[in-house]
All heavy atoms as atom14 arrays in JSON, in Angstrom:
{
  "sequence": "PSVASRQALGMLWRKDYEKALEAVSGVIDIYEDRTVLWM",
  "atom14_mask": [
    [1, 1, 1, 1, 1, 1, 1, 0, 0, 0, 0, 0, 0, 0],
    [1, 1, 1, 1, 1, 1, 0, 0, 0, 0, 0, 0, 0, 0],
    [1, 1, 1, 1, 1, 1, 1, 0, 0, 0, 0, 0, 0, 0],
    [1, 1, 1, 1, 1, 0, 0, 0, 0, 0, 0, 0, 0, 0],
    [1, 1, 1, 1, 1, 1, 0, 0, 0, 0, 0, 0, 0, 0],
    [1, 1, 1, 1, 1, 1, 1, 1, 1, 1, 1, 0, 0, 0],
    [1, 1, 1, 1, 1, 1, 1, 1, 1, 0, 0, 0, 0, 0],
    [1, 1, 1, 1, 1, 0, 0, 0, 0, 0, 0, 0, 0, 0],
    [1, 1, 1, 1, 1, 1, 1, 1, 0, 0, 0, 0, 0, 0],
    [1, 1, 1, 1, 0, 0, 0, 0, 0, 0, 0, 0, 0, 0],
    [1, 1, 1, 1, 1, 1, 1, 1, 0, 0, 0, 0, 0, 0],
    [1, 1, 1, 1, 1, 1, 1, 1, 0, 0, 0, 0, 0, 0],
    [1, 1, 1, 1, 1, 1, 1, 1, 1, 1, 1, 1, 1, 1],
    [1, 1, 1, 1, 1, 1, 1, 1, 1, 1, 1, 0, 0, 0],
    [1, 1, 1, 1, 1, 1, 1, 1, 1, 0, 0, 0, 0, 0],
    [1, 1, 1, 1, 1, 1, 1, 1, 0, 0, 0, 0, 0, 0],
    [1, 1, 1, 1, 1, 1, 1, 1, 1, 1, 1, 1, 0, 0],
    [1, 1, 1, 1, 1, 1, 1, 1, 1, 0, 0, 0, 0, 0],
    [1, 1, 1, 1, 1, 1, 1, 1, 1, 0, 0, 0, 0, 0],
    [1, 1, 1, 1, 1, 0, 0, 0, 0, 0, 0, 0, 0, 0],
    [1, 1, 1, 1, 1, 1, 1, 1, 0, 0, 0, 0, 0, 0],
    [1, 1, 1, 1, 1, 1, 1, 1, 1, 0, 0, 0, 0, 0],
    [1, 1, 1, 1, 1, 0, 0, 0, 0, 0, 0, 0, 0, 0],
    [1, 1, 1, 1, 1, 1, 1, 0, 0, 0, 0, 0, 0, 0],
    [1, 1, 1, 1, 1, 1, 0, 0, 0, 0, 0, 0, 0, 0],
    [1, 1, 1, 1, 0, 0, 0, 0, 0, 0, 0, 0, 0, 0],
    [1, 1, 1, 1, 1, 1, 1, 0, 0, 0, 0, 0, 0, 0],
    [1, 1, 1, 1, 1, 1, 1, 1, 0, 0, 0, 0, 0, 0],
    [1, 1, 1, 1, 1, 1, 1, 1, 0, 0, 0, 0, 0, 0],
    [1, 1, 1, 1, 1, 1, 1, 1, 0, 0, 0, 0, 0, 0],
    [1, 1, 1, 1, 1, 1, 1, 1, 1, 1, 1, 1, 0, 0],
    [1, 1, 1, 1, 1, 1, 1, 1, 1, 0, 0, 0, 0, 0],
    [1, 1, 1, 1, 1, 1, 1, 1, 0, 0, 0, 0, 0, 0],
    [1, 1, 1, 1, 1, 1, 1, 1, 1, 1, 1, 0, 0, 0],
    [1, 1, 1, 1, 1, 1, 1, 0, 0, 0, 0, 0, 0, 0],
    [1, 1, 1, 1, 1, 1, 1, 0, 0, 0, 0, 0, 0, 0],
    [1, 1, 1, 1, 1, 1, 1, 1, 0, 0, 0, 0, 0, 0],
    [1, 1, 1, 1, 1, 1, 1, 1, 1, 1, 1, 1, 1, 1],
    [1, 1, 1, 1, 1, 1, 1, 1, 0, 0, 0, 0, 0, 0]
  ],
  "atom14_positions": [
    [[103.63, 31.1, 117.22], [102.98, 31.69, 116.01], [101.73, 32.47, 116.31], [101.46, 33.5, 115.6], [102.65, 30.43, 115.2], [102.62, 29.32, 116.18], [103.63, 29.62, 117.28], [0.0, 0.0, 0.0], [0.0, 0.0, 0.0], [0.0, 0.0, 0.0], [0.0, 0.0, 0.0], [0.0, 0.0, 0.0], [0.0, 0.0, 0.0], [0.0, 0.0, 0.0]],
    [[101.02, 32.19, 117.34], [99.83, 32.92, 117.72], [100.18, 34.33, 118.19], [99.57, 35.27, 117.89], [98.96, 32.19, 118.72], [98.46, 30.96, 118.17], [0.0, 0.0, 0.0], [0.0, 0.0, 0.0], [0.0, 0.0, 0.0], [0.0, 0.0, 0.0], [0.0, 0.0, 0.0], [0.0, 0.0, 0.0], [0.0, 0.0, 0.0], [0.0, 0.0, 0.0]],
    [[101.27, 34.29, 118.99], [101.7, 35.57, 119.58], [102.29, 36.43, 118.43], [102.03, 37.66, 118.36], [102.82, 35.35, 120.69], [103.42, 36.69, 121.08], [102.14, 34.66, 121.86], [0.0, 0.0, 0.0], [0.0, 0.0, 0.0], [0.0, 0.0, 0.0], [0.0, 0.0, 0.0], [0.0, 0.0, 0.0], [0.0, 0.0, 0.0], [0.0, 0.0, 0.0]],
    [[103.11, 35.83, 117.58], [103.74, 36.54, 116.47], [102.7, 37.16, 115.6], [102.87, 38.31, 115.12], [104.73, 35.68, 115.73], [0.0, 0.0, 0.0], [0.0, 0.0, 0.0], [0.0, 0.0, 0.0], [0.0, 0.0, 0.0], [0.0, 0.0, 0.0], [0.0, 0.0, 0.0], [0.0, 0.0, 0.0], [0.0, 0.0, 0.0], [0.0, 0.0, 0.0]],
    [[101.7, 36.44, 115.27], [100.65, 36.94, 114.31], [99.92, 38.15, 114.93], [99.57, 39.13, 114.2], [99.65, 35.83, 113.87], [98.83, 35.43, 115.0], [0.0, 0.0, 0.0], [0.0, 0.0, 0.0], [0.0, 0.0, 0.0], [0.0, 0.0, 0.0], [0.0, 0.0, 0.0], [0.0, 0.0, 0.0], [0.0, 0.0, 0.0], [0.0, 0.0, 0.0]],
    [[99.67, 38.04, 116.19], [99.0, 39.14, 116.89], [99.95, 40.37, 116.99], [99.53, 41.53, 116.85], [98.47, 38.8, 118.28], [97.31, 37.8, 118.23], [96.94, 37.23, 119.6], [95.73, 36.45, 119.64], [95.62, 35.19, 119.4], [96.73, 34.51, 119.04], [94.49, 34.59, 119.53], [0.0, 0.0, 0.0], [0.0, 0.0, 0.0], [0.0, 0.0, 0.0]],
    [[101.2, 40.13, 117.27], [102.15, 41.19, 117.26], [102.19, 41.89, 115.89], [102.21, 43.15, 115.88], [103.54, 40.68, 117.61], [104.66, 41.74, 117.52], [104.59, 42.83, 118.61], [103.74, 42.79, 119.48], [105.49, 43.75, 118.42], [0.0, 0.0, 0.0], [0.0, 0.0, 0.0], [0.0, 0.0, 0.0], [0.0, 0.0, 0.0], [0.0, 0.0, 0.0]],
    [[102.23, 41.11, 114.87], [102.24, 41.65, 113.5], [100.92, 42.48, 113.28], [101.03, 43.63, 112.69], [102.39, 40.59, 112.42], [0.0, 0.0, 0.0], [0.0, 0.0, 0.0], [0.0, 0.0, 0.0], [0.0, 0.0, 0.0], [0.0, 0.0, 0.0], [0.0, 0.0, 0.0], [0.0, 0.0, 0.0], [0.0, 0.0, 0.0], [0.0, 0.0, 0.0]],
    [[99.84, 41.98, 113.7], [98.6, 42.72, 113.6], [98.64, 44.11, 114.34], [98.26, 45.1, 113.76], [97.44, 41.89, 114.09], [96.02, 42.55, 113.95], [95.69, 42.83, 112.49], [95.02, 41.7, 114.61], [0.0, 0.0, 0.0], [0.0, 0.0, 0.0], [0.0, 0.0, 0.0], [0.0, 0.0, 0.0], [0.0, 0.0, 0.0], [0.0, 0.0, 0.0]],
    [[99.22, 44.09, 115.5], [99.33, 45.34, 116.25], [100.25, 46.31, 115.46], [100.0, 47.55, 115.43], [0.0, 0.0, 0.0], [0.0, 0.0, 0.0], [0.0, 0.0, 0.0], [0.0, 0.0, 0.0], [0.0, 0.0, 0.0], [0.0, 0.0, 0.0], [0.0, 0.0, 0.0], [0.0, 0.0, 0.0], [0.0, 0.0, 0.0], [0.0, 0.0, 0.0]],
    [[101.29, 45.81, 114.89], [102.19, 46.7, 114.09], [101.47, 47.06, 112.79], [101.66, 48.28, 112.44], [103.47, 45.92, 113.73], [104.35, 45.58, 114.95], [105.01, 47.12, 115.66], [104.48, 46.91, 117.34], [0.0, 0.0, 0.0], [0.0, 0.0, 0.0], [0.0, 0.0, 0.0], [0.0, 0.0, 0.0], [0.0, 0.0, 0.0], [0.0, 0.0, 0.0]],
    [[100.63, 46.3, 112.25], [99.91, 46.78, 111.06], [98.93, 47.93, 111.44], [98.82, 48.89, 110.69], [99.17, 45.64, 110.48], [99.96, 44.55, 109.73], [99.12, 43.36, 109.41], [100.61, 45.09, 108.47], [0.0, 0.0, 0.0], [0.0, 0.0, 0.0], [0.0, 0.0, 0.0], [0.0, 0.0, 0.0], [0.0, 0.0, 0.0], [0.0, 0.0, 0.0]],
    [[98.33, 47.77, 112.59], [97.42, 48.85, 113.04], [98.21, 50.17, 113.16], [97.61, 51.24, 112.96], [96.8, 48.54, 114.42], [95.79, 47.44, 114.34], [94.95, 47.11, 113.34], [95.41, 46.57, 115.39], [94.2, 46.06, 113.63], [94.41, 45.69, 114.99], [95.9, 46.4, 116.72], [93.85, 44.69, 115.8], [95.33, 45.47, 117.51], [94.32, 44.65, 117.06]],
    [[99.46, 50.08, 113.59], [100.27, 51.27, 113.81], [101.0, 51.67, 112.45], [101.79, 52.67, 112.5], [101.34, 51.02, 114.78], [100.79, 50.7, 116.15], [101.84, 50.32, 117.15], [101.27, 49.48, 118.25], [101.91, 48.66, 119.02], [103.2, 48.46, 118.84], [101.23, 48.07, 119.95], [0.0, 0.0, 0.0], [0.0, 0.0, 0.0], [0.0, 0.0, 0.0]],
    [[100.75, 50.93, 111.42], [101.4, 51.17, 110.11], [102.97, 51.06, 110.18], [103.73, 51.66, 109.42], [101.06, 52.55, 109.52], [99.51, 52.68, 109.26], [99.19, 53.9, 108.45], [97.65, 54.0, 108.24], [96.76, 52.94, 108.04], [0.0, 0.0, 0.0], [0.0, 0.0, 0.0], [0.0, 0.0, 0.0], [0.0, 0.0, 0.0], [0.0, 0.0, 0.0]],
    [[103.39, 50.22, 111.12], [104.82, 49.93, 111.22], [105.03, 48.58, 110.48], [105.18, 47.48, 111.14], [105.23, 49.83, 112.69], [106.76, 49.77, 112.88], [107.49, 49.47, 111.88], [107.21, 50.14, 113.98], [0.0, 0.0, 0.0], [0.0, 0.0, 0.0], [0.0, 0.0, 0.0], [0.0, 0.0, 0.0], [0.0, 0.0, 0.0], [0.0, 0.0, 0.0]],
    [[105.08, 48.7, 109.18], [105.07, 47.46, 108.33], [106.36, 46.71, 108.46], [106.36, 45.46, 108.39], [104.78, 47.89, 106.9], [103.53, 48.66, 106.75], [103.51, 49.96, 106.32], [102.34, 48.0, 107.05], [102.33, 50.68, 106.2], [101.1, 48.67, 106.94], [101.04, 50.02, 106.52], [99.89, 50.71, 106.39], [0.0, 0.0, 0.0], [0.0, 0.0, 0.0]],
    [[107.51, 47.34, 108.67], [108.7, 46.6, 108.86], [108.73, 45.76, 110.09], [109.16, 44.6, 110.07], [109.9, 47.62, 108.91], [110.31, 48.16, 107.62], [110.99, 47.26, 106.59], [111.4, 46.12, 106.99], [110.96, 47.61, 105.42], [0.0, 0.0, 0.0], [0.0, 0.0, 0.0], [0.0, 0.0, 0.0], [0.0, 0.0, 0.0], [0.0, 0.0, 0.0]],
    [[108.17, 46.29, 111.18], [108.17, 45.53, 112.43], [107.12, 44.4, 112.34], [107.3, 43.28, 112.91], [107.84, 46.38, 113.65], [109.09, 47.18, 114.07], [108.87, 47.8, 115.39], [110.18, 48.54, 115.83], [110.01, 49.31, 116.98], [0.0, 0.0, 0.0], [0.0, 0.0, 0.0], [0.0, 0.0, 0.0], [0.0, 0.0, 0.0], [0.0, 0.0, 0.0]],
    [[106.04, 44.64, 111.56], [105.05, 43.51, 111.34], [105.69, 42.41, 110.63], [105.53, 41.24, 110.93], [103.87, 44.1, 110.5], [0.0, 0.0, 0.0], [0.0, 0.0, 0.0], [0.0, 0.0, 0.0], [0.0, 0.0, 0.0], [0.0, 0.0, 0.0], [0.0, 0.0, 0.0], [0.0, 0.0, 0.0], [0.0, 0.0, 0.0], [0.0, 0.0, 0.0]],
    [[106.55, 42.73, 109.59], [107.19, 41.77, 108.84], [108.24, 41.02, 109.66], [108.31, 39.79, 109.58], [107.92, 42.44, 107.65], [108.4, 41.61, 106.46], [107.29, 40.75, 105.95], [108.94, 42.58, 105.42], [0.0, 0.0, 0.0], [0.0, 0.0, 0.0], [0.0, 0.0, 0.0], [0.0, 0.0, 0.0], [0.0, 0.0, 0.0], [0.0, 0.0, 0.0]],
    [[108.93, 41.74, 110.53], [109.86, 41.12, 111.4], [109.19, 40.1, 112.33], [109.71, 39.01, 112.73], [110.62, 42.12, 112.2], [111.6, 43.0, 111.42], [112.22, 44.1, 112.24], [112.08, 44.07, 113.51], [112.68, 45.05, 111.59], [0.0, 0.0, 0.0], [0.0, 0.0, 0.0], [0.0, 0.0, 0.0], [0.0, 0.0, 0.0], [0.0, 0.0, 0.0]],
    [[108.02, 40.47, 112.82], [107.36, 39.63, 113.8], [107.0, 38.22, 113.27], [107.22, 37.24, 113.87], [106.11, 40.31, 114.33], [0.0, 0.0, 0.0], [0.0, 0.0, 0.0], [0.0, 0.0, 0.0], [0.0, 0.0, 0.0], [0.0, 0.0, 0.0], [0.0, 0.0, 0.0], [0.0, 0.0, 0.0], [0.0, 0.0, 0.0], [0.0, 0.0, 0.0]],
    [[106.57, 38.17, 111.98], [106.2, 36.86, 111.39], [107.45, 36.2, 110.85], [107.39, 34.97, 110.75], [105.1, 37.0, 110.35], [103.78, 37.45, 110.96], [105.45, 37.81, 109.15], [0.0, 0.0, 0.0], [0.0, 0.0, 0.0], [0.0, 0.0, 0.0], [0.0, 0.0, 0.0], [0.0, 0.0, 0.0], [0.0, 0.0, 0.0], [0.0, 0.0, 0.0]],
    [[108.45, 36.97, 110.51], [109.61, 36.37, 109.91], [110.32, 35.37, 110.83], [110.93, 34.43, 110.36], [110.65, 37.41, 109.44], [110.13, 38.16, 108.38], [0.0, 0.0, 0.0], [0.0, 0.0, 0.0], [0.0, 0.0, 0.0], [0.0, 0.0, 0.0], [0.0, 0.0, 0.0], [0.0, 0.0, 0.0], [0.0, 0.0, 0.0], [0.0, 0.0, 0.0]],
    [[110.2, 35.61, 112.08], [110.86, 34.71, 113.08], [110.15, 33.36, 113.18], [110.74, 32.43, 113.78], [0.0, 0.0, 0.0], [0.0, 0.0, 0.0], [0.0, 0.0, 0.0], [0.0, 0.0, 0.0], [0.0, 0.0, 0.0], [0.0, 0.0, 0.0], [0.0, 0.0, 0.0], [0.0, 0.0, 0.0], [0.0, 0.0, 0.0], [0.0, 0.0, 0.0]],
    [[108.99, 33.2, 112.69], [108.22, 31.94, 112.92], [107.67, 31.34, 111.66], [107.23, 30.17, 111.64], [107.1, 32.04, 113.92], [107.67, 32.38, 115.26], [106.08, 33.05, 113.46], [0.0, 0.0, 0.0], [0.0, 0.0, 0.0], [0.0, 0.0, 0.0], [0.0, 0.0, 0.0], [0.0, 0.0, 0.0], [0.0, 0.0, 0.0], [0.0, 0.0, 0.0]],
    [[107.56, 32.12, 110.58], [106.82, 31.63, 109.39], [107.47, 30.38, 108.72], [106.81, 29.55, 108.19], [106.62, 32.68, 108.38], [105.4, 32.41, 107.47], [107.86, 33.08, 107.66], [104.87, 33.63, 106.69], [0.0, 0.0, 0.0], [0.0, 0.0, 0.0], [0.0, 0.0, 0.0], [0.0, 0.0, 0.0], [0.0, 0.0, 0.0], [0.0, 0.0, 0.0]],
    [[108.82, 30.25, 108.78], [109.47, 29.15, 108.24], [109.22, 27.84, 109.1], [109.34, 26.73, 108.51], [110.96, 29.37, 108.08], [111.3, 30.42, 107.09], [110.48, 30.62, 106.11], [112.36, 31.08, 107.11], [0.0, 0.0, 0.0], [0.0, 0.0, 0.0], [0.0, 0.0, 0.0], [0.0, 0.0, 0.0], [0.0, 0.0, 0.0], [0.0, 0.0, 0.0]],
    [[108.91, 28.0, 110.34], [108.73, 26.87, 111.2], [107.29, 26.39, 111.11], [106.96, 25.24, 111.08], [109.02, 27.24, 112.69], [110.56, 27.61, 112.79], [108.68, 26.1, 113.59], [110.82, 28.33, 114.09], [0.0, 0.0, 0.0], [0.0, 0.0, 0.0], [0.0, 0.0, 0.0], [0.0, 0.0, 0.0], [0.0, 0.0, 0.0], [0.0, 0.0, 0.0]],
    [[106.39, 27.41, 111.02], [104.94, 27.15, 111.02], [104.32, 27.57, 109.64], [103.43, 28.35, 109.53], [104.19, 27.92, 112.17], [104.67, 27.58, 113.48], [105.61, 28.32, 114.13], [104.21, 26.48, 114.14], [106.07, 28.01, 115.44], [104.73, 26.09, 115.41], [105.6, 26.88, 116.02], [106.06, 26.52, 117.28], [0.0, 0.0, 0.0], [0.0, 0.0, 0.0]],
    [[104.91, 27.01, 108.59], [104.54, 27.47, 107.21], [103.1, 27.13, 106.77], [102.65, 27.58, 105.73], [105.58, 26.92, 106.23], [105.79, 25.41, 106.22], [106.98, 25.01, 105.34], [107.89, 25.84, 105.24], [106.88, 23.92, 104.86], [0.0, 0.0, 0.0], [0.0, 0.0, 0.0], [0.0, 0.0, 0.0], [0.0, 0.0, 0.0], [0.0, 0.0, 0.0]],
    [[102.4, 26.32, 107.57], [101.06, 26.0, 107.24], [100.05, 26.93, 107.89], [98.8, 26.76, 107.69], [100.69, 24.5, 107.55], [100.83, 24.27, 109.06], [101.56, 25.02, 109.73], [100.13, 23.37, 109.58], [0.0, 0.0, 0.0], [0.0, 0.0, 0.0], [0.0, 0.0, 0.0], [0.0, 0.0, 0.0], [0.0, 0.0, 0.0], [0.0, 0.0, 0.0]],
    [[100.46, 27.9, 108.6], [99.57, 28.81, 109.3], [99.3, 30.03, 108.39], [100.1, 30.85, 108.15], [100.29, 29.42, 110.57], [100.55, 28.35, 111.62], [99.36, 28.1, 112.56], [99.63, 27.16, 113.49], [99.73, 27.47, 114.8], [99.63, 28.62, 115.21], [100.02, 26.48, 115.7], [0.0, 0.0, 0.0], [0.0, 0.0, 0.0], [0.0, 0.0, 0.0]],
    [[98.12, 30.02, 107.88], [97.72, 30.98, 106.89], [97.81, 32.41, 107.45], [98.02, 33.4, 106.69], [96.33, 30.66, 106.24], [95.35, 30.62, 107.27], [96.35, 29.37, 105.48], [0.0, 0.0, 0.0], [0.0, 0.0, 0.0], [0.0, 0.0, 0.0], [0.0, 0.0, 0.0], [0.0, 0.0, 0.0], [0.0, 0.0, 0.0], [0.0, 0.0, 0.0]],
    [[97.41, 32.54, 108.78], [97.39, 33.86, 109.33], [98.77, 34.52, 109.3], [98.93, 35.75, 109.08], [96.85, 33.82, 110.79], [97.83, 33.13, 111.74], [96.49, 35.23, 111.24], [0.0, 0.0, 0.0], [0.0, 0.0, 0.0], [0.0, 0.0, 0.0], [0.0, 0.0, 0.0], [0.0, 0.0, 0.0], [0.0, 0.0, 0.0], [0.0, 0.0, 0.0]],
    [[99.82, 33.7, 109.34], [101.19, 34.33, 109.26], [101.47, 34.83, 107.89], [102.07, 35.85, 107.66], [102.28, 33.26, 109.71], [102.18, 32.79, 111.14], [103.11, 31.72, 111.36], [102.44, 33.91, 112.09], [0.0, 0.0, 0.0], [0.0, 0.0, 0.0], [0.0, 0.0, 0.0], [0.0, 0.0, 0.0], [0.0, 0.0, 0.0], [0.0, 0.0, 0.0]],
    [[101.03, 34.03, 106.89], [101.21, 34.43, 105.51], [100.36, 35.74, 105.21], [100.84, 36.63, 104.44], [100.85, 33.35, 104.48], [101.88, 32.22, 104.58], [101.65, 30.94, 105.12], [103.16, 32.26, 104.07], [102.83, 30.24, 104.91], [103.81, 30.97, 104.28], [103.96, 33.25, 103.36], [105.07, 30.67, 103.94], [105.22, 32.89, 102.99], [105.84, 31.68, 103.28]],
    [[99.18, 35.74, 105.77], [98.38, 36.89, 105.57], [98.98, 38.14, 106.16], [98.99, 39.24, 105.54], [97.01, 36.68, 106.21], [95.91, 37.76, 105.86], [95.53, 37.64, 104.05], [94.0, 38.38, 104.1], [0.0, 0.0, 0.0], [0.0, 0.0, 0.0], [0.0, 0.0, 0.0], [0.0, 0.0, 0.0], [0.0, 0.0, 0.0], [0.0, 0.0, 0.0]]
  ]
}
């Protein structure tokens, strides 16, 4: 989840919103209490 959230952040910086969404989608159901993933 820490790697996925950072990957999503990197994608957000690039304005690649689909890839940012994909990065967290792979882990958010497992780590649903991680607010950074929801953010």
